[in-house]
Amino acid sequence: MPVHEEVASRFHLLEGIPSIQAAMADPEMDRRMREFMAPPVDAAPDVPTRDLTVPGPHGPVPVRVYGDASASTARPALVWMHGGAFMMGDLDMGEADRTGREVCARAEAVVVSVDYRLAVGGVHHPVPLDDVVAAVRWVRDSAAELGVDPSRISVGGASAGGNLATAATLRLRDEDGWLPAALLPVYPVQHVQLPDPSPELRDRLTEVPPMLMFTPEATAGINSNYLGGPPELADGYAFPALADLTGLCPVVLVNAEYDDLRSSGEAFTQQLEDAGVAVHQHLATGMLHGFLNLSARLEPVDQVLDLMAATVADPLSPVTTS
C-alpha cells in the first residue's frame, strides 16, 4: 500500500532538506525537521510509573517501571529499549514512554524501559549493551519485588534498541544460560552493513524523502560510531546477524514497509528460520521507520502495539498462529 496518508501529508515539511546534517546546520531546515519528527499524538494510557536506577558495570542505569507492583497476581513483563541510532533518545520520547504505557495497559504487564548509555562523548560498544544486560538481569532477579512472573519476561526494542535487545538476549543465553520468554525487535538494525533491498522494497523507498533514508554512508557512520571503529570490529554481540542464533527464544520481529532497515529485519528473520528458531514476522503497512513515535490511533501502529501486547501476555501465541 502507499505511505500512510497521515504520514505522507506531512512530507512537505521536509522539502529541500537533503539530510539530518544539513538540517542541523540551517535553523529553518532544523525547525521543519523537528516539526515533522514531533507529530501531534493522542494521550497515552495513564498508568503508574516509577523512575529508578539499577546497578550496572559502568555505574547506575536509569529505568522507568510501568505498572503497579502491588497487583495481587504476578504479571508478564517487557524490558524495552528505545532507538536513536545508538546516540540519541531517552525515556520521554514517544518510542519509549508511549510504547511503555500502551503495552503496560494492553497486556496488563509490567514494562521496564531502559535509559542505556548512549554512544556519545567517547562511549562505544559494549557499554550500551552492558547497561541493557544489567537491566534485564535486574528485572529477572527482582521479579518477585516487581510483581512479575519470572517465566513471562520478554525483551524488546526499536531500531538500535532492537539490536540491543537481541544482543542482550544472546549475551544472557551465552553467559547465564537463560533466555527471556520472547524477543521483540521492532524495525531493528541487525547487520553492520545493510543487505541489499529486494526489488519491491527498493521501489517503495523511492517514495521516502531523502532525509529519512538510511543511506550506506549514513549507516556506516552510525555503526562505526557505535563500534568505535571500522565494521571489522563487529561481532555477534554488536550486530546479531553475525551471531550463532541457535536455541534462541521465540522471536516476533516487526518491519516498517517504507524503511531501509527492513532489509536487515527480513534477512535476520531468514537467519532465525534457518537456525530453527520460532519466528513471526509482521509488516507494518504504509509505515516509515520510527512509527512507534506516532499516534496509536493510526491503524498500523495500533496493530503493532496489539501484537506486542499479545506477545508479552502469551509469548508463544504469535509464533504458533502465524
C-alpha atoms as a PDB file:
ATOM      1  CA  MET A   1       0.000   0.000   0.000  1.00  0.00           C
ATOM      2  CA  PRO A   2       1.169   3.636  -0.351  1.00  0.00           C
ATOM      3  CA  VAL A   3       2.755   5.546   2.510  1.00  0.00           C
ATOM      4  CA  HIS A   4       0.077   6.120   5.140  1.00  0.00           C
ATOM      5  CA  GLU A   5      -1.787   9.281   4.166  1.00  0.00           C
ATOM      6  CA  GLU A   6      -1.355  10.915   7.575  1.00  0.00           C
ATOM      7  CA  VAL A   7       2.424  10.447   7.334  1.00  0.00           C
ATOM      8  CA  ALA A   8       2.664  11.494   3.680  1.00  0.00           C
ATOM      9  CA  SER A   9       0.580  14.619   4.336  1.00  0.00           C
ATOM     10  CA  ARG A  10       3.476  15.990   6.365  1.00  0.00           C
ATOM     11  CA  PHE A  11       6.248  15.285   3.836  1.00  0.00           C
ATOM     12  CA  HIS A  12       6.061  18.919   2.654  1.00  0.00           C
ATOM     13  CA  LEU A  13       7.897  19.865   5.840  1.00  0.00           C
ATOM     14  CA  LEU A  14      10.958  18.018   4.530  1.00  0.00           C
ATOM     15  CA  GLU A  15      11.085  19.528   1.052  1.00  0.00           C
ATOM     16  CA  GLY A  16      14.583  20.730   0.202  1.00  0.00           C
ATOM     17  CA  ILE A  17      16.214  19.062   3.228  1.00  0.00           C
ATOM     18  CA  PRO A  18      18.836  16.618   1.899  1.00  0.00           C
ATOM     19  CA  SER A  19      19.970  15.184   5.231  1.00  0.00           C
ATOM     20  CA  ILE A  20      19.789  15.489   9.010  1.00  0.00           C
ATOM     21  CA  GLN A  21      23.267  17.006   8.957  1.00  0.00           C
ATOM     22  CA  ALA A  22      22.111  19.760   6.587  1.00  0.00           C
ATOM     23  CA  ALA A  23      19.061  20.450   8.753  1.00  0.00           C
ATOM     24  CA  MET A  24      21.176  20.806  11.887  1.00  0.00           C
ATOM     25  CA  ALA A  25      23.269  23.467  10.134  1.00  0.00           C
ATOM     26  CA  ASP A  26      20.278  25.525   8.983  1.00  0.00           C
ATOM     27  CA  PRO A  27      17.808  26.948  11.555  1.00  0.00           C
ATOM     28  CA  GLU A  28      14.788  26.891   9.222  1.00  0.00           C
ATOM     29  CA  MET A  29      15.509  23.346   7.998  1.00  0.00           C
ATOM     30  CA  ASP A  30      16.047  22.282  11.591  1.00  0.00           C
ATOM     31  CA  ARG A  31      12.698  23.789  12.638  1.00  0.00           C
ATOM     32  CA  ARG A  32      10.834  21.947   9.863  1.00  0.00           C
ATOM     33  CA  MET A  33      12.639  18.674  10.572  1.00  0.00           C
ATOM     34  CA  ARG A  34      11.744  18.862  14.263  1.00  0.00           C
ATOM     35  CA  GLU A  35       8.125  19.679  13.432  1.00  0.00           C
ATOM     36  CA  PHE A  36       7.962  16.575  11.234  1.00  0.00           C
ATOM     37  CA  MET A  37       9.608  14.422  13.884  1.00  0.00           C
ATOM     38  CA  ALA A  38       7.149  15.530  16.589  1.00  0.00           C
ATOM     39  CA  PRO A  39       3.658  14.989  15.146  1.00  0.00           C
ATOM     40  CA  PRO A  40       0.581  15.617  17.303  1.00  0.00           C
ATOM     41  CA  VAL A  41      -0.457  12.490  19.182  1.00  0.00           C
ATOM     42  CA  ASP A  42      -3.275  11.452  21.476  1.00  0.00           C
ATOM     43  CA  ALA A  43      -2.671  10.985  25.179  1.00  0.00           C
ATOM     44  CA  ALA A  44      -1.206   7.618  26.131  1.00  0.00           C
ATOM     45  CA  PRO A  45      -2.788   5.453  28.846  1.00  0.00           C
ATOM     46  CA  ASP A  46      -2.418   6.770  32.388  1.00  0.00           C
ATOM     47  CA  VAL A  47      -0.565   4.016  34.243  1.00  0.00           C
ATOM     48  CA  PRO A  48       1.569   4.072  37.417  1.00  0.00           C
ATOM     49  CA  THR A  49       5.248   4.817  36.793  1.00  0.00           C
ATOM     50  CA  ARG A  50       8.413   4.863  38.893  1.00  0.00           C
ATOM     51  CA  ASP A  51      11.848   6.146  37.900  1.00  0.00           C
ATOM     52  CA  LEU A  52      14.613   4.037  39.443  1.00  0.00           C
ATOM     53  CA  THR A  53      18.261   3.166  38.889  1.00  0.00           C
ATOM     54  CA  VAL A  54      19.667  -0.336  38.734  1.00  0.00           C
ATOM     55  CA  PRO A  55      23.313  -1.335  39.216  1.00  0.00           C
ATOM     56  CA  GLY A  56      25.476  -1.778  36.143  1.00  0.00           C
ATOM     57  CA  PRO A  57      29.163  -2.330  35.385  1.00  0.00           C
ATOM     58  CA  HIS A  58      29.607   1.309  34.302  1.00  0.00           C
ATOM     59  CA  GLY A  59      27.518   2.827  37.074  1.00  0.00           C
ATOM     60  CA  PRO A  60      23.783   3.114  37.785  1.00  0.00           C
ATOM     61  CA  VAL A  61      21.399   2.582  34.855  1.00  0.00           C
ATOM     62  CA  PRO A  62      18.193   4.657  34.914  1.00  0.00           C
ATOM     63  CA  VAL A  63      14.969   2.765  34.209  1.00  0.00           C
ATOM     64  CA  ARG A  64      11.279   3.640  34.214  1.00  0.00           C
ATOM     65  CA  VAL A  65       8.902   0.994  35.539  1.00  0.00           C
ATOM     66  CA  TYR A  66       5.310   0.999  34.271  1.00  0.00           C
ATOM     67  CA  GLY A  67       2.691  -0.860  36.270  1.00  0.00           C
ATOM     68  CA  ASP A  68       1.593  -1.398  39.858  1.00  0.00           C
ATOM     69  CA  ALA A  69       3.911  -3.655  41.854  1.00  0.00           C
ATOM     70  CA  SER A  70       1.138  -4.277  44.398  1.00  0.00           C
ATOM     71  CA  ALA A  71      -1.036  -6.280  41.995  1.00  0.00           C
ATOM     72  CA  SER A  72      -2.349  -9.480  43.581  1.00  0.00           C
ATOM     73  CA  THR A  73      -1.114 -11.773  40.789  1.00  0.00           C
ATOM     74  CA  ALA A  74       2.266 -11.928  39.086  1.00  0.00           C
ATOM     75  CA  ARG A  75       2.141 -10.349  35.648  1.00  0.00           C
ATOM     76  CA  PRO A  76       4.130 -10.679  32.452  1.00  0.00           C
ATOM     77  CA  ALA A  77       6.901  -8.169  31.828  1.00  0.00           C
ATOM     78  CA  LEU A  78       8.649  -6.453  28.935  1.00  0.00           C
ATOM     79  CA  VAL A  79      12.138  -4.956  29.199  1.00  0.00           C
ATOM     80  CA  TRP A  80      12.139  -2.294  26.475  1.00  0.00           C
ATOM     81  CA  MET A  81      14.885  -0.277  24.730  1.00  0.00           C
ATOM     82  CA  HIS A  82      14.207   2.860  22.663  1.00  0.00           C
ATOM     83  CA  GLY A  83      16.028   3.634  19.426  1.00  0.00           C
ATOM     84  CA  GLY A  84      18.022   6.626  18.234  1.00  0.00           C
ATOM     85  CA  ALA A  85      20.989   5.378  16.181  1.00  0.00           C
ATOM     86  CA  PHE A  86      22.744   4.339  19.445  1.00  0.00           C
ATOM     87  CA  MET A  87      23.438   8.035  20.154  1.00  0.00           C
ATOM     88  CA  MET A  88      20.039   9.701  20.688  1.00  0.00           C
ATOM     89  CA  GLY A  89      16.811   9.096  22.567  1.00  0.00           C
ATOM     90  CA  ASP A  90      15.626   9.000  26.169  1.00  0.00           C
ATOM     91  CA  LEU A  91      12.873   7.672  28.414  1.00  0.00           C
ATOM     92  CA  ASP A  92      10.489  10.506  27.492  1.00  0.00           C
ATOM     93  CA  MET A  93      10.447  10.030  23.711  1.00  0.00           C
ATOM     94  CA  GLY A  94       7.270   8.504  22.299  1.00  0.00           C
ATOM     95  CA  GLU A  95       9.009   5.308  21.242  1.00  0.00           C
ATOM     96  CA  ALA A  96       9.928   4.787  24.906  1.00  0.00           C
ATOM     97  CA  ASP A  97       7.219   6.355  27.062  1.00  0.00           C
ATOM     98  CA  ARG A  98       4.071   5.890  24.963  1.00  0.00           C
ATOM     99  CA  THR A  99       5.125   2.390  23.980  1.00  0.00           C
ATOM    100  CA  GLY A 100       5.694   1.523  27.637  1.00  0.00           C
ATOM    101  CA  ARG A 101       2.304   2.889  28.633  1.00  0.00           C
ATOM    102  CA  GLU A 102       0.455   1.187  25.795  1.00  0.00           C
ATOM    103  CA  VAL A 103       1.975  -2.262  26.359  1.00  0.00           C
ATOM    104  CA  CYS A 104       1.502  -1.964  30.123  1.00  0.00           C
ATOM    105  CA  ALA A 105      -2.203  -1.194  29.688  1.00  0.00           C
ATOM    106  CA  ARG A 106      -2.945  -3.570  26.808  1.00  0.00           C
ATOM    107  CA  ALA A 107      -1.130  -6.597  28.245  1.00  0.00           C
ATOM    108  CA  GLU A 108      -1.740  -5.851  31.947  1.00  0.00           C
ATOM    109  CA  ALA A 109       2.027  -6.137  32.186  1.00  0.00           C
ATOM    110  CA  VAL A 110       4.981  -4.537  33.889  1.00  0.00           C
ATOM    111  CA  VAL A 111       7.175  -2.661  31.402  1.00  0.00           C
ATOM    112  CA  VAL A 112      10.719  -1.600  32.277  1.00  0.00           C
ATOM    113  CA  SER A 113      12.122   0.994  29.869  1.00  0.00           C
ATOM    114  CA  VAL A 114      15.922   1.283  29.940  1.00  0.00           C
ATOM    115  CA  ASP A 115      17.875   4.536  29.624  1.00  0.00           C
ATOM    116  CA  TYR A 116      21.106   2.884  28.477  1.00  0.00           C
ATOM    117  CA  ARG A 117      24.249   4.959  27.960  1.00  0.00           C
ATOM    118  CA  LEU A 118      24.394   6.489  24.501  1.00  0.00           C
ATOM    119  CA  ALA A 119      27.357   6.227  22.134  1.00  0.00           C
ATOM    120  CA  VAL A 120      28.450   9.845  22.578  1.00  0.00           C
ATOM    121  CA  GLY A 121      31.402  11.505  24.251  1.00  0.00           C
ATOM    122  CA  GLY A 122      33.715   8.538  23.775  1.00  0.00           C
ATOM    123  CA  VAL A 123      31.195   5.846  24.745  1.00  0.00           C
ATOM    124  CA  HIS A 124      31.136   2.869  22.376  1.00  0.00           C
ATOM    125  CA  HIS A 125      30.110  -0.782  22.245  1.00  0.00           C
ATOM    126  CA  PRO A 126      29.851  -2.727  24.509  1.00  0.00           C
ATOM    127  CA  VAL A 127      28.929  -0.046  27.073  1.00  0.00           C
ATOM    128  CA  PRO A 128      25.285   0.487  25.945  1.00  0.00           C
ATOM    129  CA  LEU A 129      24.840  -3.284  25.691  1.00  0.00           C
ATOM    130  CA  ASP A 130      26.347  -3.807  29.148  1.00  0.00           C
ATOM    131  CA  ASP A 131      23.693  -1.443  30.548  1.00  0.00           C
ATOM    132  CA  VAL A 132      20.906  -3.369  28.837  1.00  0.00           C
ATOM    133  CA  VAL A 133      22.186  -6.749  30.018  1.00  0.00           C
ATOM    134  CA  ALA A 134      22.384  -5.385  33.569  1.00  0.00           C
ATOM    135  CA  ALA A 135      18.811  -4.081  33.369  1.00  0.00           C
ATOM    136  CA  VAL A 136      17.414  -7.378  32.086  1.00  0.00           C
ATOM    137  CA  ARG A 137      19.244  -9.279  34.815  1.00  0.00           C
ATOM    138  CA  TRP A 138      17.817  -6.894  37.396  1.00  0.00           C
ATOM    139  CA  VAL A 139      14.251  -7.481  36.181  1.00  0.00           C
ATOM    140  CA  ARG A 140      14.828 -11.243  36.149  1.00  0.00           C
ATOM    141  CA  ASP A 141      16.368 -11.285  39.614  1.00  0.00           C
ATOM    142  CA  SER A 142      13.842  -8.807  41.064  1.00  0.00           C
ATOM    143  CA  ALA A 143      10.745 -10.459  39.616  1.00  0.00           C
ATOM    144  CA  ALA A 144       9.087 -11.032  42.986  1.00  0.00           C
ATOM    145  CA  GLU A 145       9.525  -7.418  44.120  1.00  0.00           C
ATOM    146  CA  LEU A 146       8.248  -6.149  40.754  1.00  0.00           C
ATOM    147  CA  GLY A 147       5.177  -8.372  40.800  1.00  0.00           C
ATOM    148  CA  VAL A 148       6.436 -10.175  37.685  1.00  0.00           C
ATOM    149  CA  ASP A 149       6.018 -13.778  36.599  1.00  0.00           C
ATOM    150  CA  PRO A 150       9.665 -14.835  36.047  1.00  0.00           C
ATOM    151  CA  SER A 151       8.614 -17.268  33.301  1.00  0.00           C
ATOM    152  CA  ARG A 152       6.993 -14.458  31.263  1.00  0.00           C
ATOM    153  CA  ILE A 153       9.737 -11.843  30.916  1.00  0.00           C
ATOM    154  CA  SER A 154      10.139 -10.648  27.333  1.00  0.00           C
ATOM    155  CA  VAL A 155      12.847  -8.371  25.927  1.00  0.00           C
ATOM    156  CA  GLY A 156      12.383  -5.947  23.053  1.00  0.00           C
ATOM    157  CA  GLY A 157      13.426  -2.693  21.473  1.00  0.00           C
ATOM    158  CA  ALA A 158      13.051  -0.430  18.471  1.00  0.00           C
ATOM    159  CA  SER A 159      15.704   0.324  15.836  1.00  0.00           C
ATOM    160  CA  ALA A 160      19.055   0.496  17.682  1.00  0.00           C
ATOM    161  CA  GLY A 161      17.099  -0.721  20.709  1.00  0.00           C
ATOM    162  CA  GLY A 162      16.064  -3.782  18.711  1.00  0.00           C
ATOM    163  CA  ASN A 163      19.737  -4.509  18.118  1.00  0.00           C
ATOM    164  CA  LEU A 164      20.487  -4.104  21.836  1.00  0.00           C
ATOM    165  CA  ALA A 165      17.532  -6.280  22.858  1.00  0.00           C
ATOM    166  CA  THR A 166      18.692  -9.054  20.527  1.00  0.00           C
ATOM    167  CA  ALA A 167      22.338  -8.769  21.553  1.00  0.00           C
ATOM    168  CA  ALA A 168      21.399  -8.797  25.246  1.00  0.00           C
ATOM    169  CA  THR A 169      19.376 -11.965  24.670  1.00  0.00           C
ATOM    170  CA  LEU A 170      22.406 -13.568  23.028  1.00  0.00           C
ATOM    171  CA  ARG A 171      24.667 -12.500  25.905  1.00  0.00           C
ATOM    172  CA  LEU A 172      22.262 -13.852  28.505  1.00  0.00           C
ATOM    173  CA  ARG A 173      21.997 -17.135  26.599  1.00  0.00           C
ATOM    174  CA  ASP A 174      25.772 -17.489  26.452  1.00  0.00           C
ATOM    175  CA  GLU A 175      26.773 -16.087  29.866  1.00  0.00           C
ATOM    176  CA  ASP A 176      23.843 -17.097  32.095  1.00  0.00           C
ATOM    177  CA  GLY A 177      22.223 -19.993  30.254  1.00  0.00           C
ATOM    178  CA  TRP A 178      18.969 -18.011  30.475  1.00  0.00           C
ATOM    179  CA  LEU A 179      16.527 -16.802  27.841  1.00  0.00           C
ATOM    180  CA  PRO A 180      13.532 -14.497  28.010  1.00  0.00           C
ATOM    181  CA  ALA A 181      10.101 -15.833  27.097  1.00  0.00           C
ATOM    182  CA  ALA A 182      10.158 -13.874  23.831  1.00  0.00           C
ATOM    183  CA  LEU A 183      12.239 -11.356  21.892  1.00  0.00           C
ATOM    184  CA  LEU A 184      10.520  -8.397  20.173  1.00  0.00           C
ATOM    185  CA  PRO A 185      12.794  -6.422  17.812  1.00  0.00           C
ATOM    186  CA  VAL A 186      10.848  -3.632  16.049  1.00  0.00           C
ATOM    187  CA  TYR A 187      12.368  -2.187  12.847  1.00  0.00           C
ATOM    188  CA  PRO A 188      15.799  -3.318  14.134  1.00  0.00           C
ATOM    189  CA  VAL A 189      19.282  -2.913  12.692  1.00  0.00           C
ATOM    190  CA  GLN A 190      20.922  -6.334  12.992  1.00  0.00           C
ATOM    191  CA  HIS A 191      23.602  -6.017  10.290  1.00  0.00           C
ATOM    192  CA  VAL A 192      26.748  -3.904  10.349  1.00  0.00           C
ATOM    193  CA  GLN A 193      26.194  -3.398   6.605  1.00  0.00           C
ATOM    194  CA  LEU A 194      22.593  -3.447   5.406  1.00  0.00           C
ATOM    195  CA  PRO A 195      21.680  -6.264   2.996  1.00  0.00           C
ATOM    196  CA  ASP A 196      20.609  -5.195  -0.468  1.00  0.00           C
ATOM    197  CA  PRO A 197      16.894  -4.350  -0.548  1.00  0.00           C
ATOM    198  CA  SER A 198      14.531  -6.516  -2.548  1.00  0.00           C
ATOM    199  CA  PRO A 199      13.196  -5.019  -5.810  1.00  0.00           C
ATOM    200  CA  GLU A 200       9.855  -4.440  -4.070  1.00  0.00           C
ATOM    201  CA  LEU A 201      11.484  -2.598  -1.159  1.00  0.00           C
ATOM    202  CA  ARG A 202      13.708  -0.605  -3.496  1.00  0.00           C
ATOM    203  CA  ASP A 203      10.571   0.561  -5.304  1.00  0.00           C
ATOM    204  CA  ARG A 204       8.882   1.510  -2.010  1.00  0.00           C
ATOM    205  CA  LEU A 205      11.880   3.578  -0.933  1.00  0.00           C
ATOM    206  CA  THR A 206      11.534   5.896  -3.936  1.00  0.00           C
ATOM    207  CA  GLU A 207       8.526   7.395  -2.101  1.00  0.00           C
ATOM    208  CA  VAL A 208      10.559   8.278   1.009  1.00  0.00           C
ATOM    209  CA  PRO A 209      12.099  11.780   1.363  1.00  0.00           C
ATOM    210  CA  PRO A 210      15.917  11.662   1.188  1.00  0.00           C
ATOM    211  CA  MET A 211      16.311  12.946   4.736  1.00  0.00           C
ATOM    212  CA  LEU A 212      14.512   9.866   6.074  1.00  0.00           C
ATOM    213  CA  MET A 213      16.703   7.368   4.229  1.00  0.00           C
ATOM    214  CA  PHE A 214      19.394   5.207   5.820  1.00  0.00           C
ATOM    215  CA  THR A 215      21.936   5.638   3.039  1.00  0.00           C
ATOM    216  CA  PRO A 216      25.037   3.405   3.039  1.00  0.00           C
ATOM    217  CA  GLU A 217      27.102   6.430   4.088  1.00  0.00           C
ATOM    218  CA  ALA A 218      24.757   7.354   6.951  1.00  0.00           C
ATOM    219  CA  THR A 219      24.516   3.766   8.141  1.00  0.00           C
ATOM    220  CA  ALA A 220      28.289   3.348   8.042  1.00  0.00           C
ATOM    221  CA  GLY A 221      28.715   6.485  10.140  1.00  0.00           C
ATOM    222  CA  ILE A 222      26.144   5.412  12.723  1.00  0.00           C
ATOM    223  CA  ASN A 223      27.577   1.928  13.048  1.00  0.00           C
ATOM    224  CA  SER A 224      31.224   2.982  13.161  1.00  0.00           C
ATOM    225  CA  ASN A 225      30.347   5.473  15.886  1.00  0.00           C
ATOM    226  CA  TYR A 226      28.701   2.681  17.881  1.00  0.00           C
ATOM    227  CA  LEU A 227      31.626   0.305  17.351  1.00  0.00           C
ATOM    228  CA  GLY A 228      34.284   2.948  17.924  1.00  0.00           C
ATOM    229  CA  GLY A 229      35.989   1.922  14.702  1.00  0.00           C
ATOM    230  CA  PRO A 230      35.581   0.117  11.362  1.00  0.00           C
ATOM    231  CA  PRO A 231      32.995  -2.605  10.675  1.00  0.00           C
ATOM    232  CA  GLU A 232      35.665  -5.282  11.043  1.00  0.00           C
ATOM    233  CA  LEU A 233      35.405  -4.739  14.814  1.00  0.00           C
ATOM    234  CA  ALA A 234      31.851  -6.090  14.856  1.00  0.00           C
ATOM    235  CA  ASP A 235      30.935  -9.437  16.358  1.00  0.00           C
ATOM    236  CA  GLY A 236      27.594 -11.090  17.038  1.00  0.00           C
ATOM    237  CA  TYR A 237      27.054  -9.113  20.229  1.00  0.00           C
ATOM    238  CA  ALA A 238      27.499  -5.821  18.356  1.00  0.00           C
ATOM    239  CA  PHE A 239      25.449  -6.823  15.297  1.00  0.00           C
ATOM    240  CA  PRO A 240      23.446 -10.021  15.901  1.00  0.00           C
ATOM    241  CA  ALA A 241      23.351 -11.075  12.241  1.00  0.00           C
ATOM    242  CA  LEU A 242      26.951 -12.193  12.845  1.00  0.00           C
ATOM    243  CA  ALA A 243      25.976 -14.437  15.779  1.00  0.00           C
ATOM    244  CA  ASP A 244      25.075 -18.091  16.147  1.00  0.00           C
ATOM    245  CA  LEU A 245      21.302 -17.858  16.592  1.00  0.00           C
ATOM    246  CA  THR A 246      20.737 -21.480  17.532  1.00  0.00           C
ATOM    247  CA  GLY A 247      18.489 -22.046  20.513  1.00  0.00           C
ATOM    248  CA  LEU A 248      17.059 -18.535  20.815  1.00  0.00           C
ATOM    249  CA  CYS A 249      13.640 -17.971  22.363  1.00  0.00           C
ATOM    250  CA  PRO A 250      10.608 -17.259  20.131  1.00  0.00           C
ATOM    251  CA  VAL A 251      11.026 -14.028  18.161  1.00  0.00           C
ATOM    252  CA  VAL A 252       8.351 -11.596  16.958  1.00  0.00           C
ATOM    253  CA  LEU A 253      10.034  -9.186  14.542  1.00  0.00           C
ATOM    254  CA  VAL A 254       8.296  -6.105  13.142  1.00  0.00           C
ATOM    255  CA  ASN A 255       9.363  -4.273   9.988  1.00  0.00           C
ATOM    256  CA  ALA A 256       8.117  -0.980   8.556  1.00  0.00           C
ATOM    257  CA  GLU A 257       7.066  -1.188   4.900  1.00  0.00           C
ATOM    258  CA  TYR A 258       8.928   2.000   3.882  1.00  0.00           C
ATOM    259  CA  ASP A 259      12.211   1.551   5.739  1.00  0.00           C
ATOM    260  CA  ASP A 260      15.761   0.813   4.548  1.00  0.00           C
ATOM    261  CA  LEU A 261      16.259  -1.245   7.727  1.00  0.00           C
ATOM    262  CA  ARG A 262      13.523  -3.596   6.549  1.00  0.00           C
ATOM    263  CA  SER A 263      16.205  -5.412   4.528  1.00  0.00           C
ATOM    264  CA  SER A 264      18.016  -6.146   7.808  1.00  0.00           C
ATOM    265  CA  GLY A 265      14.847  -7.364   9.519  1.00  0.00           C
ATOM    266  CA  GLU A 266      13.885  -9.596   6.612  1.00  0.00           C
ATOM    267  CA  ALA A 267      17.349 -11.125   6.268  1.00  0.00           C
ATOM    268  CA  PHE A 268      17.566 -11.667  10.014  1.00  0.00           C
ATOM    269  CA  THR A 269      14.186 -13.404  10.020  1.00  0.00           C
ATOM    270  CA  GLN A 270      15.514 -15.819   7.413  1.00  0.00           C
ATOM    271  CA  GLN A 271      18.600 -16.455   9.528  1.00  0.00           C
ATOM    272  CA  LEU A 272      16.383 -17.231  12.515  1.00  0.00           C
ATOM    273  CA  GLU A 273      14.307 -19.651  10.451  1.00  0.00           C
ATOM    274  CA  ASP A 274      17.466 -21.333   9.158  1.00  0.00           C
ATOM    275  CA  ALA A 275      18.651 -21.721  12.776  1.00  0.00           C
ATOM    276  CA  GLY A 276      15.385 -23.415  13.735  1.00  0.00           C
ATOM    277  CA  VAL A 277      14.105 -20.523  15.870  1.00  0.00           C
ATOM    278  CA  ALA A 278      10.359 -19.988  16.130  1.00  0.00           C
ATOM    279  CA  VAL A 279       9.795 -16.595  14.497  1.00  0.00           C
ATOM    280  CA  HIS A 280       6.856 -14.469  13.385  1.00  0.00           C
ATOM    281  CA  GLN A 281       7.491 -11.511  11.067  1.00  0.00           C
ATOM    282  CA  HIS A 282       4.981  -8.657  10.830  1.00  0.00           C
ATOM    283  CA  LEU A 283       4.998  -5.858   8.228  1.00  0.00           C
ATOM    284  CA  ALA A 284       3.557  -2.517   9.346  1.00  0.00           C
ATOM    285  CA  THR A 285       1.978  -1.403   6.063  1.00  0.00           C
ATOM    286  CA  GLY A 286       2.278   2.205   4.994  1.00  0.00           C
ATOM    287  CA  MET A 287       4.708   2.966   7.832  1.00  0.00           C
ATOM    288  CA  LEU A 288       8.165   4.523   7.864  1.00  0.00           C
ATOM    289  CA  HIS A 289      10.997   3.854  10.283  1.00  0.00           C
ATOM    290  CA  GLY A 290      10.268   5.086  13.807  1.00  0.00           C
ATOM    291  CA  PHE A 291       6.489   4.736  13.619  1.00  0.00           C
ATOM    292  CA  LEU A 292       6.175   3.891  17.333  1.00  0.00           C
ATOM    293  CA  ASN A 293       6.615   7.642  17.865  1.00  0.00           C
ATOM    294  CA  LEU A 294       3.258   8.175  16.113  1.00  0.00           C
ATOM    295  CA  SER A 295      -0.257   8.097  17.498  1.00  0.00           C
ATOM    296  CA  ALA A 296      -1.806   4.741  18.377  1.00  0.00           C
ATOM    297  CA  ARG A 297      -4.960   5.834  16.571  1.00  0.00           C
ATOM    298  CA  LEU A 298      -3.197   5.064  13.269  1.00  0.00           C
ATOM    299  CA  GLU A 299      -4.313   1.538  12.425  1.00  0.00           C
ATOM    300  CA  PRO A 300      -0.848   0.081  11.599  1.00  0.00           C
ATOM    301  CA  VAL A 301       0.563   1.486  14.854  1.00  0.00           C
ATOM    302  CA  ASP A 302      -2.398   0.160  16.829  1.00  0.00           C
ATOM    303  CA  GLN A 303      -1.943  -3.280  15.242  1.00  0.00           C
ATOM    304  CA  VAL A 304       1.727  -3.426  16.211  1.00  0.00           C
ATOM    305  CA  LEU A 305       1.001  -2.370  19.790  1.00  0.00           C
ATOM    306  CA  ASP A 306      -1.666  -5.077  19.976  1.00  0.00           C
ATOM    307  CA  LEU A 307       0.822  -7.627  18.613  1.00  0.00           C
ATOM    308  CA  MET A 308       3.443  -6.563  21.137  1.00  0.00           C
ATOM    309  CA  ALA A 309       0.944  -6.779  23.992  1.00  0.00           C
ATOM    310  CA  ALA A 310      -0.268 -10.207  22.841  1.00  0.00           C
ATOM    311  CA  THR A 311       3.336 -11.440  22.702  1.00  0.00           C
ATOM    312  CA  VAL A 312       4.122 -10.159  26.180  1.00  0.00           C
ATOM    313  CA  ALA A 313       0.928 -11.681  27.592  1.00  0.00           C
ATOM    314  CA  ASP A 314       1.359 -15.019  25.797  1.00  0.00           C
ATOM    315  CA  PRO A 315       4.849 -15.278  24.254  1.00  0.00           C
ATOM    316  CA  LEU A 316       4.128 -18.363  22.147  1.00  0.00           C
ATOM    317  CA  SER A 317       0.832 -17.178  20.675  1.00  0.00           C
ATOM    318  CA  PRO A 318       2.087 -15.120  17.660  1.00  0.00           C
ATOM    319  CA  VAL A 319       4.666 -17.694  16.510  1.00  0.00           C
ATOM    320  CA  THR A 320       2.311 -20.669  16.803  1.00  0.00           C
ATOM    321  CA  THR A 321      -0.586 -18.969  14.967  1.00  0.00           C
ATOM    322  CA  SER A 322       1.389 -17.243  12.176  1.00  0.00           C
END
